[in-house]
Protein backbone atom coordinates (compact mmCIF):
# COMPACT_ATOMS: atom_id res chain seq x y z
CA MET A 1 -30.87 80.13 51.99
CA GLY A 2 -30.55 83.45 53.85
CA ASN A 3 -32.99 86.42 53.78
CA ALA A 4 -30.43 88.96 52.41
CA PRO A 5 -30.30 87.54 48.83
CA ALA A 6 -34.14 87.44 48.68
CA GLU A 7 -34.34 91.09 49.73
CA ASP A 8 -31.76 92.04 47.08
CA GLU A 9 -33.80 90.33 44.38
CA VAL A 10 -37.00 92.10 45.46
CA THR A 11 -35.15 95.41 45.33
CA LEU A 12 -33.90 94.63 41.82
CA PHE A 13 -37.41 93.71 40.73
CA GLU A 14 -38.83 96.96 42.10
CA ARG A 15 -36.11 98.94 40.37
CA ASP A 16 -36.78 97.22 37.04
CA MET A 17 -40.50 97.93 37.37
CA LYS A 18 -39.80 101.60 38.14
CA GLU A 19 -37.59 101.85 35.09
CA PHE A 20 -40.30 100.23 33.01
CA TRP A 21 -43.00 102.63 34.15
CA SER A 22 -40.67 105.59 33.70
CA GLN A 23 -40.07 104.58 30.12
CA PHE A 24 -43.75 103.91 29.68
CA LYS A 25 -44.73 107.35 30.97
CA ILE A 26 -42.17 109.11 28.80
CA SER A 27 -43.29 107.21 25.76
CA TYR A 28 -46.97 107.76 26.57
CA GLY A 29 -46.57 111.51 27.17
CA THR A 30 -44.67 112.38 24.01
CA GLU A 31 -45.72 109.88 21.44
CA GLN A 32 -48.98 108.48 22.78
CA ASN A 33 -50.76 108.14 19.49
CA ASN A 34 -47.90 107.24 17.23
CA GLN A 35 -46.01 104.82 19.42
CA THR A 36 -48.74 102.63 20.94
CA SER A 37 -47.58 99.65 19.00
CA ALA A 38 -43.93 100.31 19.84
CA LEU A 39 -44.82 100.73 23.50
CA ARG A 40 -46.71 97.47 23.46
CA ASP A 41 -43.68 95.79 21.93
CA LEU A 42 -41.40 97.43 24.46
CA CYS A 43 -43.66 96.30 27.27
CA LYS A 44 -43.67 92.80 25.89
CA GLU A 45 -39.89 92.76 25.51
CA THR A 46 -39.42 94.14 28.98
CA LEU A 47 -41.74 91.56 30.51
CA GLU A 48 -40.04 88.79 28.57
CA ALA A 49 -36.64 90.03 29.73
CA LEU A 50 -37.88 90.16 33.29
CA ALA A 51 -39.40 86.69 32.98
CA GLU A 52 -36.19 85.31 31.50
CA LYS A 53 -34.11 87.01 34.19
CA TRP A 54 -36.26 85.65 37.00
CA SER A 55 -36.47 82.24 35.41
CA LYS A 56 -32.69 82.14 35.26
CA LYS A 57 -32.44 83.22 38.86
CA LEU A 58 -34.94 80.56 39.93
CA LYS A 59 -32.97 77.91 38.07
CA GLU A 60 -29.79 79.08 39.76
CA GLU A 61 -31.58 78.95 43.09
CA ASP A 62 -32.75 75.39 42.35
CA VAL A 63 -29.22 74.36 41.43
CA MET A 64 -27.92 75.97 44.61
CA ILE A 65 -30.56 74.17 46.69
CA ASP A 66 -29.65 70.85 45.06
CA LYS A 67 -25.98 71.46 45.80
CA ILE A 68 -26.80 72.33 49.39
CA HIS A 69 -28.78 69.09 49.69
CA GLU A 70 -25.84 67.18 48.22
CA TYR A 71 -23.44 68.83 50.63
CA ASN A 72 -25.77 68.06 53.55
CA ASN A 73 -25.99 64.43 52.46
CA GLU A 74 -22.21 64.22 52.15
CA ILE A 75 -21.79 65.78 55.60
CA LEU A 76 -24.35 63.34 57.00
CA GLN A 77 -22.52 60.37 55.45
CA GLN A 78 -19.17 61.65 56.71
CA SER A 79 -20.62 62.16 60.19
CA LYS A 80 -22.04 58.63 60.15
CA TYR A 81 -18.69 57.23 58.97
CA ILE A 82 -16.82 59.14 61.68
CA ALA A 83 -19.28 57.96 64.32
CA GLU A 84 -18.78 54.32 63.23
CA LYS A 85 -15.00 54.70 63.33
CA GLU A 86 -15.16 56.34 66.74
CA GLU A 87 -17.28 53.45 68.00
CA GLN A 88 -14.78 50.94 66.58
CA LEU A 89 -11.93 52.89 68.16
CA THR A 90 -13.73 52.83 71.52
CA GLU A 91 -14.16 49.05 71.26
CA ILE A 92 -10.48 48.62 70.39
CA LYS A 93 -9.44 50.79 73.34
CA SER A 94 -11.74 48.78 75.61
CA LYS A 95 -10.22 45.51 74.40
CA LEU A 96 -6.71 46.89 74.87
CA ASN A 97 -7.57 47.96 78.40
CA GLN A 98 -8.98 44.51 79.13
CA GLU A 99 -5.88 42.83 77.71
CA GLN A 100 -3.64 45.13 79.74
CA GLU A 101 -5.65 44.32 82.87
CA GLN A 102 -5.41 40.59 82.11
CA GLN A 103 -1.67 40.95 81.51
CA LYS A 104 -1.31 42.75 84.84
CA ASN A 105 -3.34 40.07 86.64
CA LEU A 106 -1.25 37.36 84.99
CA THR A 107 1.97 39.11 85.99
CA ASP A 108 0.71 39.49 89.55
CA SER A 109 -0.30 35.81 89.66
CA ILE A 110 3.12 34.74 88.37
CA GLN A 111 4.81 36.91 90.97
CA GLU A 112 2.62 35.44 93.72
CA LEU A 113 3.44 31.92 92.53
CA LYS A 114 7.13 32.74 92.51
CA GLN A 115 6.93 34.09 96.05
CA GLU A 116 4.92 31.06 97.19
CA LEU A 117 7.47 28.74 95.56
CA MET A 118 10.31 30.58 97.27
CA ARG A 119 8.54 30.24 100.63
CA LYS A 120 7.98 26.53 100.08
CA MET A 121 11.60 26.07 99.02
CA GLU A 122 12.76 27.90 102.16
CA ILE A 123 10.47 25.77 104.31
CA LYS A 124 11.68 22.61 102.60
CA SER A 125 15.30 23.68 103.00
CA SER A 126 14.68 24.41 106.67
CA LYS A 127 13.01 21.03 107.15
CA ASN A 128 15.79 19.24 105.31
CA LYS A 129 18.34 21.01 107.49
CA ALA A 130 16.45 20.04 110.64
CA ALA A 131 16.14 16.44 109.44
CA LYS A 132 19.84 16.33 108.62
CA GLU A 133 20.71 17.67 112.05
CA LYS A 134 18.48 15.06 113.69
CA LEU A 135 20.04 12.27 111.64
CA GLU A 136 23.48 13.51 112.57
CA GLN A 137 22.45 13.50 116.22
CA VAL A 138 21.27 9.93 115.87
CA SER A 139 24.50 8.90 114.14
CA LYS A 140 26.63 10.42 116.89
CA ILE A 141 25.01 8.37 119.60
CA LYS A 142 24.72 5.23 117.50
CA THR A 143 27.99 3.77 118.73
CA LEU A 144 27.20 4.69 122.33
CA PHE A 145 23.87 2.90 122.22
CA LYS A 146 25.34 -0.16 120.61
CA GLU A 147 28.07 -0.51 123.19
CA HIS A 148 26.04 0.16 126.34
CA LEU A 149 22.49 -0.85 125.46
CA ALA A 150 23.13 -3.68 122.99
CA LEU A 151 21.39 -1.51 120.37
CA GLU A 152 21.96 -1.74 116.64
CA MET A 153 20.82 1.07 114.36
CA ARG A 154 20.25 0.65 110.65
CA ARG A 155 19.25 3.07 107.94
CA ILE A 156 16.64 1.46 105.70
CA PRO A 157 14.83 2.67 102.54
CA GLU A 158 12.59 5.74 102.57
CA GLU A 159 14.91 7.58 104.97
CA GLN A 160 13.98 5.44 107.98
CA LEU A 161 16.02 4.39 111.01
CA GLN A 162 15.56 0.94 112.45
CA PHE A 163 16.47 0.29 116.09
CA ILE A 164 17.20 -3.33 116.97
CA PHE A 165 17.33 -3.98 120.71
CA ARG A 166 18.91 -7.20 122.09
CA HIS A 167 19.58 -8.56 125.55
CA ILE A 168 15.95 -7.84 126.39
CA ASP A 169 14.72 -11.39 126.86
CA HIS A 170 16.96 -13.09 129.45
CA LYS A 171 15.90 -16.45 128.05
CA ASP A 172 16.93 -15.47 124.54
CA PRO A 173 19.42 -12.57 124.65
CA ASP A 174 19.80 -12.46 120.83
CA LYS A 175 16.04 -12.07 120.24
CA PRO A 176 15.51 -8.76 118.40
CA TYR A 177 13.02 -6.11 119.51
CA VAL A 178 12.57 -3.64 116.64
CA CYS A 179 11.34 -0.06 116.44
CA THR A 180 11.40 1.89 113.16
CA LEU A 181 11.49 5.67 113.17
CA SER A 182 11.27 8.30 110.40
CA ILE A 183 10.91 12.05 110.01
CA ASN A 184 7.64 13.10 108.37
CA GLU A 185 6.95 16.02 106.01
CA GLN A 186 6.38 18.35 108.97
CA GLY A 187 9.88 17.56 110.26
CA ASP A 188 8.61 15.58 113.27
CA TYR A 189 9.70 12.16 114.47
CA GLU A 190 7.22 9.40 113.62
CA VAL A 191 7.22 5.73 114.65
CA THR A 192 6.36 3.69 111.54
CA SER A 193 6.57 0.21 113.11
CA CYS A 194 7.17 -1.49 116.41
CA THR A 195 7.77 -5.24 116.88
CA PRO A 196 6.46 -6.51 119.19
CA PRO A 197 3.79 -3.80 119.55
CA LEU A 198 3.92 -1.48 122.55
CA ASP A 199 0.77 0.04 124.06
CA CYS A 200 2.70 3.13 125.08
CA ILE A 201 4.32 3.84 121.69
CA ALA A 202 2.00 6.79 120.86
CA GLU A 203 2.76 8.41 124.21
CA LEU A 204 6.53 7.94 123.74
CA GLN A 205 6.33 9.39 120.23
CA LEU A 206 4.47 12.47 121.49
CA LYS A 207 7.01 13.00 124.27
CA LEU A 208 9.86 12.77 121.75
CA ARG A 209 8.23 15.45 119.59
CA GLU A 210 7.72 17.72 122.58
CA THR A 211 11.20 17.35 124.14
CA ASN A 212 13.28 16.41 121.10
CA ASN A 213 15.26 14.24 123.54
CA PHE A 214 16.22 11.34 121.32
CA SER A 215 18.37 9.56 123.89
CA ALA A 216 15.52 9.51 126.42
CA PHE A 217 13.16 8.16 123.73
CA VAL A 218 15.48 5.23 122.94
CA ALA A 219 15.98 4.50 126.62
CA ASN A 220 12.22 4.55 127.22
CA ILE A 221 11.62 2.22 124.28
CA ARG A 222 14.13 -0.25 125.75
CA LYS A 223 12.45 -0.04 129.14
CA ALA A 224 9.06 -0.69 127.53
CA PHE A 225 10.40 -3.70 125.61
CA THR A 226 12.03 -5.02 128.83
CA ALA A 227 8.78 -4.60 130.75
CA LEU A 228 6.89 -6.38 128.01
CA SER A 229 9.42 -9.25 128.02
CA TYR A 230 9.07 -9.75 131.78
CA LYS A 231 5.30 -9.61 131.46
CA GLN A 232 5.30 -12.27 128.73
CA SER A 233 7.68 -14.48 130.71
CA ALA A 234 5.62 -14.33 133.88
C-alpha cells in the first residue's frame, strides 16, 4: 500500500477533529450550562461516527490487503507455470536440435556410403574391363600357341585358364605339362597350380605382372617345363 492514501486519511482525521472541537467550543461558549448533556451526547455520537468510519476503512484496507495477497499468489503461480512451460519448451527445442543433427549425420553417412559404393563399382568395372581385355588377349593368341608350341588352352570353372603343354618329353610327346592361371581381385595374373611343380614359377608370375607380356610368360613356362623334362631324363 502506498503512502499517499495514508496521508489522506490522516488529513481527514485531523479535519474531523477540528470540526468536532469547533462545534464543542461553540456549544460550550453559548450554552455551557444548559447543553452539557447534549454536548456529551454529541461528543459520544461524533466519536462513535469516527470509530465506525475508521473501522470501516480498516476493514476495507484488510480486504484490499487480502486481495493484493491473492493477486500476488496468482502471479506467483502463473510465473511458476510459465517457467515450467519454458523449461519444457527448451527441452523440446534441444531434442529437436539433436534429432536434426542426427538426421544430418545420417544423411551425410548415407551420402558417403553412396560415394564409396560408386567408387567401388567404378573400380570393379575397371578391373572387369582389364580382365576382359586380358582374356581377349589370351584368346587371340590361343590358336597361335596351339599350332606352333603344341599348346592347348582351356577355360575351366572360377574364371581360370588352363595351359596344357605337349611335346615336352621326347620319350612321351603326348605327356601333358599343366599350368593354371587366373586373375585375382586386384586384377593381377596369378598362377593357381602347376603340374609338375616348377621352382621358378613365383619368379615367372612376378615378371608377368611387371611386364604384362603374356606371350613371354607362356614361352618361359614351356622352357621351364622342357628344362625340367631333360633334368628328369638325365
